[in-house]
PDB file of N, CA and C in Angstrom:
ATOM      1  N   MET A   1      99.633  94.178  93.467  1.00  0.00           N
ATOM      2  CA  MET A   1      99.995  95.484  93.978  1.00  0.00           C
ATOM      3  C   MET A   1      98.782  95.986  94.744  1.00  0.00           C
ATOM      4  N   LEU A   2      98.993  96.401  95.974  1.00  0.00           N
ATOM      5  CA  LEU A   2      97.867  96.859  96.772  1.00  0.00           C
ATOM      6  C   LEU A   2      98.210  98.154  97.477  1.00  0.00           C
ATOM      7  N   GLU A   3      97.162  98.802  97.968  1.00  0.00           N
ATOM      8  CA  GLU A   3      97.347  99.989  98.787  1.00  0.00           C
ATOM      9  C   GLU A   3      96.431  99.880  99.990  1.00  0.00           C
ATOM     10  N   ILE A   4      96.843 100.510 101.061  1.00  0.00           N
ATOM     11  CA  ILE A   4      95.996 100.658 102.236  1.00  0.00           C
ATOM     12  C   ILE A   4      95.709 102.139 102.351  1.00  0.00           C
ATOM     13  N   TYR A   5      94.438 102.505 102.196  1.00  0.00           N
ATOM     14  CA  TYR A   5      94.028 103.906 102.206  1.00  0.00           C
ATOM     15  C   TYR A   5      92.749 104.004 103.028  1.00  0.00           C
ATOM     16  N   ASN A   6      92.740 104.895 103.994  1.00  0.00           N
ATOM     17  CA  ASN A   6      91.598 105.023 104.914  1.00  0.00           C
ATOM     18  C   ASN A   6      91.223 103.682 105.537  1.00  0.00           C
ATOM     19  N   GLU A   7      92.232 102.929 105.924  1.00  0.00           N
ATOM     20  CA  GLU A   7      92.090 101.633 106.581  1.00  0.00           C
ATOM     21  C   GLU A   7      91.393 100.590 105.715  1.00  0.00           C
ATOM     22  N   LYS A   8      91.411 100.774 104.399  1.00  0.00           N
ATOM     23  CA  LYS A   8      90.843  99.803 103.469  1.00  0.00           C
ATOM     24  C   LYS A   8      91.950  99.326 102.537  1.00  0.00           C
ATOM     25  N   VAL A   9      91.999  98.017 102.309  1.00  0.00           N
ATOM     26  CA  VAL A   9      92.992  97.413 101.427  1.00  0.00           C
ATOM     27  C   VAL A   9      92.364  97.292 100.045  1.00  0.00           C
ATOM     28  N   GLN A  10      93.050  97.816  99.027  1.00  0.00           N
ATOM     29  CA  GLN A  10      92.529  97.798  97.662  1.00  0.00           C
ATOM     30  C   GLN A  10      93.564  97.225  96.699  1.00  0.00           C
ATOM     31  N   ASP A  11      93.094  96.474  95.709  1.00  0.00           N
ATOM     32  CA  ASP A  11      93.938  95.946  94.642  1.00  0.00           C
ATOM     33  C   ASP A  11      94.097  97.046  93.594  1.00  0.00           C
ATOM     34  N   LEU A  12      95.322  97.479  93.343  1.00  0.00           N
ATOM     35  CA  LEU A  12      95.560  98.575  92.409  1.00  0.00           C
ATOM     36  C   LEU A  12      95.446  98.160  90.946  1.00  0.00           C
ATOM     37  N   PHE A  13      95.302  96.866  90.669  1.00  0.00           N
ATOM     38  CA  PHE A  13      95.098  96.425  89.297  1.00  0.00           C
ATOM     39  C   PHE A  13      93.612  96.358  88.939  1.00  0.00           C
ATOM     40  N   VAL A  14      92.749  96.738  89.873  1.00  0.00           N
ATOM     41  CA  VAL A  14      91.310  96.797  89.634  1.00  0.00           C
ATOM     42  C   VAL A  14      90.915  98.259  89.505  1.00  0.00           C
ATOM     43  N   ASN A  15      90.137  98.568  88.482  1.00  0.00           N
ATOM     44  CA  ASN A  15      89.664  99.934  88.274  1.00  0.00           C
ATOM     45  C   ASN A  15      88.935 100.409  89.533  1.00  0.00           C
ATOM     46  N   PRO A  16      89.205 101.640  90.012  1.00  0.00           N
ATOM     47  CA  PRO A  16      88.574 102.135  91.238  1.00  0.00           C
ATOM     48  C   PRO A  16      87.050 102.039  91.244  1.00  0.00           C
ATOM     49  N   SER A  17      86.404 102.154  90.102  1.00  0.00           N
ATOM     50  CA  SER A  17      84.940 102.082  90.067  1.00  0.00           C
ATOM     51  C   SER A  17      84.424 100.648  90.244  1.00  0.00           C
ATOM     52  N   HIS A  18      85.300  99.646  90.150  1.00  0.00           N
ATOM     53  CA  HIS A  18      84.888  98.241  90.289  1.00  0.00           C
ATOM     54  C   HIS A  18      85.388  97.597  91.582  1.00  0.00           C
ATOM     55  N   ARG A  19      85.972  98.372  92.457  1.00  0.00           N
ATOM     56  CA  ARG A  19      86.508  97.817  93.707  1.00  0.00           C
ATOM     57  C   ARG A  19      85.403  97.639  94.739  1.00  0.00           C
ATOM     58  N   PRO A  20      85.564  96.674  95.648  1.00  0.00           N
ATOM     59  CA  PRO A  20      84.580  96.521  96.724  1.00  0.00           C
ATOM     60  C   PRO A  20      84.614  97.744  97.653  1.00  0.00           C
ATOM     61  N   ALA A  21      83.459  98.206  98.063  1.00  0.00           N
ATOM     62  CA  ALA A  21      83.363  99.422  98.884  1.00  0.00           C
ATOM     63  C   ALA A  21      84.101  99.296 100.217  1.00  0.00           C
ATOM     64  N   ASN A  22      84.093  98.112 100.794  1.00  0.00           N
ATOM     65  CA  ASN A  22      84.733  97.923 102.101  1.00  0.00           C
ATOM     66  C   ASN A  22      86.158  97.421 102.002  1.00  0.00           C
ATOM     67  N   GLY A  23      86.696  97.330 100.796  1.00  0.00           N
ATOM     68  CA  GLY A  23      88.066  96.867 100.614  1.00  0.00           C
ATOM     69  C   GLY A  23      88.165  95.354 100.654  1.00  0.00           C
ATOM     70  N   MET A  24      89.398  94.880 100.558  1.00  0.00           N
ATOM     71  CA  MET A  24      89.671  93.442 100.561  1.00  0.00           C
ATOM     72  C   MET A  24      89.866  92.962 101.998  1.00  0.00           C
ATOM     73  N   LYS A  25      89.625  91.683 102.214  1.00  0.00           N
ATOM     74  CA  LYS A  25      89.823  91.099 103.543  1.00  0.00           C
ATOM     75  C   LYS A  25      91.251  90.586 103.664  1.00  0.00           C
ATOM     76  N   ILE A  26      91.847  90.788 104.827  1.00  0.00           N
ATOM     77  CA  ILE A  26      93.175  90.256 105.136  1.00  0.00           C
ATOM     78  C   ILE A  26      92.982  88.948 105.884  1.00  0.00           C
ATOM     79  N   ARG A  27      93.629  87.925 105.411  1.00  0.00           N
ATOM     80  CA  ARG A  27      93.525  86.587 106.007  1.00  0.00           C
ATOM     81  C   ARG A  27      94.904  86.120 106.461  1.00  0.00           C
ATOM     82  N   GLU A  28      94.898  85.055 107.273  1.00  0.00           N
ATOM     83  CA  GLU A  28      96.150  84.443 107.708  1.00  0.00           C
ATOM     84  C   GLU A  28      96.074  82.951 107.433  1.00  0.00           C
ATOM     85  N   SER A  29      97.150  82.423 106.887  1.00  0.00           N
ATOM     86  CA  SER A  29      97.248  81.002 106.559  1.00  0.00           C
ATOM     87  C   SER A  29      98.524  80.448 107.183  1.00  0.00           C
ATOM     88  N   PRO A  30      98.475  79.221 107.707  1.00  0.00           N
ATOM     89  CA  PRO A  30      99.704  78.632 108.259  1.00  0.00           C
ATOM     90  C   PRO A  30     100.818  78.508 107.220  1.00  0.00           C
ATOM     91  N   SER A  31     100.462  78.269 105.953  1.00  0.00           N
ATOM     92  CA  SER A  31     101.490  78.092 104.932  1.00  0.00           C
ATOM     93  C   SER A  31     101.859  79.396 104.231  1.00  0.00           C
ATOM     94  N   LEU A  32     100.900  80.308 104.047  1.00  0.00           N
ATOM     95  CA  LEU A  32     101.158  81.552 103.324  1.00  0.00           C
ATOM     96  C   LEU A  32     101.478  82.741 104.222  1.00  0.00           C
ATOM     97  N   GLY A  33     101.071  82.663 105.463  1.00  0.00           N
ATOM     98  CA  GLY A  33     101.182  83.830 106.343  1.00  0.00           C
ATOM     99  C   GLY A  33     100.011  84.764 106.064  1.00  0.00           C
ATOM    100  N   PHE A  34     100.213  86.057 106.220  1.00  0.00           N
ATOM    101  CA  PHE A  34      99.147  87.020 105.956  1.00  0.00           C
ATOM    102  C   PHE A  34      99.043  87.288 104.457  1.00  0.00           C
ATOM    103  N   TYR A  35      97.815  87.423 103.967  1.00  0.00           N
ATOM    104  CA  TYR A  35      97.609  87.722 102.551  1.00  0.00           C
ATOM    105  C   TYR A  35      96.287  88.465 102.362  1.00  0.00           C
ATOM    106  N   ALA A  36      96.176  89.184 101.257  1.00  0.00           N
ATOM    107  CA  ALA A  36      94.947  89.889 100.904  1.00  0.00           C
ATOM    108  C   ALA A  36      94.108  88.952 100.045  1.00  0.00           C
ATOM    109  N   GLU A  37      92.927  88.624 100.521  1.00  0.00           N
ATOM    110  CA  GLU A  37      92.053  87.688  99.818  1.00  0.00           C
ATOM    111  C   GLU A  37      91.601  88.281  98.478  1.00  0.00           C
ATOM    112  N   GLY A  38      91.871  87.582  97.384  1.00  0.00           N
ATOM    113  CA  GLY A  38      91.444  88.027  96.064  1.00  0.00           C
ATOM    114  C   GLY A  38      92.436  88.919  95.340  1.00  0.00           C
ATOM    115  N   LEU A  39      93.596  89.166  95.929  1.00  0.00           N
ATOM    116  CA  LEU A  39      94.601  90.001  95.274  1.00  0.00           C
ATOM    117  C   LEU A  39      95.070  89.299  94.005  1.00  0.00           C
ATOM    118  N   ARG A  40      95.071  90.031  92.905  1.00  0.00           N
ATOM    119  CA  ARG A  40      95.437  89.444  91.616  1.00  0.00           C
ATOM    120  C   ARG A  40      96.949  89.313  91.467  1.00  0.00           C
ATOM    121  N   LYS A  41      97.355  88.260  90.761  1.00  0.00           N
ATOM    122  CA  LYS A  41      98.770  88.027  90.461  1.00  0.00           C
ATOM    123  C   LYS A  41      98.935  87.998  88.952  1.00  0.00           C
ATOM    124  N   TYR A  42      99.990  88.615  88.468  1.00  0.00           N
ATOM    125  CA  TYR A  42     100.282  88.640  87.045  1.00  0.00           C
ATOM    126  C   TYR A  42     101.727  88.219  86.816  1.00  0.00           C
ATOM    127  N   PRO A  43     101.949  87.094  86.139  1.00  0.00           N
ATOM    128  CA  PRO A  43     103.327  86.700  85.834  1.00  0.00           C
ATOM    129  C   PRO A  43     103.916  87.639  84.776  1.00  0.00           C
ATOM    130  N   VAL A  44     105.164  87.986  84.942  1.00  0.00           N
ATOM    131  CA  VAL A  44     105.859  88.850  83.988  1.00  0.00           C
ATOM    132  C   VAL A  44     107.149  88.168  83.557  1.00  0.00           C
ATOM    133  N   LYS A  45     107.612  88.525  82.350  1.00  0.00           N
ATOM    134  CA  LYS A  45     108.801  87.875  81.812  1.00  0.00           C
ATOM    135  C   LYS A  45     109.940  88.844  81.547  1.00  0.00           C
ATOM    136  N   SER A  46     109.671  90.136  81.693  1.00  0.00           N
ATOM    137  CA  SER A  46     110.725  91.094  81.388  1.00  0.00           C
ATOM    138  C   SER A  46     110.572  92.337  82.257  1.00  0.00           C
ATOM    139  N   PHE A  47     111.615  93.128  82.289  1.00  0.00           N
ATOM    140  CA  PHE A  47     111.572  94.379  83.034  1.00  0.00           C
ATOM    141  C   PHE A  47     110.514  95.312  82.471  1.00  0.00           C
ATOM    142  N   ASN A  48     110.345  95.315  81.148  1.00  0.00           N
ATOM    143  CA  ASN A  48     109.338  96.177  80.522  1.00  0.00           C
ATOM    144  C   ASN A  48     107.930  95.820  80.988  1.00  0.00           C
ATOM    145  N   GLU A  49     107.650  94.529  81.166  1.00  0.00           N
ATOM    146  CA  GLU A  49     106.351  94.100  81.667  1.00  0.00           C
ATOM    147  C   GLU A  49     106.165  94.530  83.122  1.00  0.00           C
ATOM    148  N   ILE A  50     107.226  94.440  83.913  1.00  0.00           N
ATOM    149  CA  ILE A  50     107.166  94.900  85.306  1.00  0.00           C
ATOM    150  C   ILE A  50     106.865  96.389  85.336  1.00  0.00           C
ATOM    151  N   GLU A  51     107.570  97.134  84.524  1.00  0.00           N
ATOM    152  CA  GLU A  51     107.388  98.583  84.466  1.00  0.00           C
ATOM    153  C   GLU A  51     105.949  98.948  84.061  1.00  0.00           C
ATOM    154  N   ALA A  52     105.393  98.235  83.087  1.00  0.00           N
ATOM    155  CA  ALA A  52     104.026  98.505  82.636  1.00  0.00           C
ATOM    156  C   ALA A  52     103.016  98.218  83.747  1.00  0.00           C
ATOM    157  N   LYS A  53     103.202  97.116  84.465  1.00  0.00           N
ATOM    158  CA  LYS A  53     102.290  96.779  85.568  1.00  0.00           C
ATOM    159  C   LYS A  53     102.408  97.794  86.706  1.00  0.00           C
ATOM    160  N   MET A  54     103.623  98.219  87.017  1.00  0.00           N
ATOM    161  CA  MET A  54     103.818  99.217  88.066  1.00  0.00           C
ATOM    162  C   MET A  54     103.135 100.533  87.687  1.00  0.00           C
ATOM    163  N   GLU A  55     103.231 100.903  86.425  1.00  0.00           N
ATOM    164  CA  GLU A  55     102.588 102.133  85.956  1.00  0.00           C
ATOM    165  C   GLU A  55     101.068 102.000  86.033  1.00  0.00           C
ATOM    166  N   GLU A  56     100.539 100.846  85.641  1.00  0.00           N
ATOM    167  CA  GLU A  56      99.102 100.607  85.704  1.00  0.00           C
ATOM    168  C   GLU A  56      98.597 100.732  87.150  1.00  0.00           C
ATOM    169  N   GLY A  57      99.304 100.107  88.079  1.00  0.00           N
ATOM    170  CA  GLY A  57      98.911 100.179  89.477  1.00  0.00           C
ATOM    171  C   GLY A  57      99.026 101.598  90.023  1.00  0.00           C
ATOM    172  N   SER A  58     100.048 102.318  89.644  1.00  0.00           N
ATOM    173  CA  SER A  58     100.245 103.694  90.117  1.00  0.00           C
ATOM    174  C   SER A  58      99.124 104.607  89.634  1.00  0.00           C
ATOM    175  N   LYS A  59      98.620 104.371  88.445  1.00  0.00           N
ATOM    176  CA  LYS A  59      97.515 105.189  87.916  1.00  0.00           C
ATOM    177  C   LYS A  59      96.221 104.981  88.698  1.00  0.00           C
ATOM    178  N   ASN A  60      96.065 103.817  89.321  1.00  0.00           N
ATOM    179  CA  ASN A  60      94.839 103.500  90.061  1.00  0.00           C
ATOM    180  C   ASN A  60      94.919 103.829  91.550  1.00  0.00           C
ATOM    181  N   ARG A  61      95.997 104.483  91.964  1.00  0.00           N
ATOM    182  CA  ARG A  61      96.136 104.860  93.373  1.00  0.00           C
ATOM    183  C   ARG A  61      95.072 105.860  93.775  1.00  0.00           C
ATOM    184  N   SER A  62      94.755 105.875  95.068  1.00  0.00           N
ATOM    185  CA  SER A  62      93.847 106.892  95.617  1.00  0.00           C
ATOM    186  C   SER A  62      94.629 108.163  95.820  1.00  0.00           C
ATOM    187  N   VAL A  63      94.066 109.269  95.375  1.00  0.00           N
ATOM    188  CA  VAL A  63      94.720 110.567  95.518  1.00  0.00           C
ATOM    189  C   VAL A  63      93.694 111.537  96.077  1.00  0.00           C
ATOM    190  N   ALA A  64      94.047 112.181  97.186  1.00  0.00           N
ATOM    191  CA  ALA A  64      93.131 113.149  97.806  1.00  0.00           C
ATOM    192  C   ALA A  64      93.936 114.183  98.560  1.00  0.00           C
ATOM    193  N   ALA A  65      93.316 115.319  98.793  1.00  0.00           N
ATOM    194  CA  ALA A  65      93.965 116.384  99.565  1.00  0.00           C
ATOM    195  C   ALA A  65      94.053 115.965 101.027  1.00  0.00           C
ATOM    196  N   THR A  66      95.078 116.432 101.687  1.00  0.00           N
ATOM    197  CA  THR A  66      95.211 116.123 103.115  1.00  0.00           C
ATOM    198  C   THR A  66      94.981 117.367 103.939  1.00  0.00           C
TER     199      THR A  66
END
């Protein structure tokens, strides 16, 4: 799960205090297409696990006044 905020790509499963300052790099592969380098993947087996991961990622979103 990722977000693009202020032109920086961030992994939402990483605590904001441990994220790289310049964000993640976007790469292109002939077999994968475009991807975020280092984006974490978590296998899930049930809807409850999906819901928990979505909630975890939502809590780590960037929130600021506009």
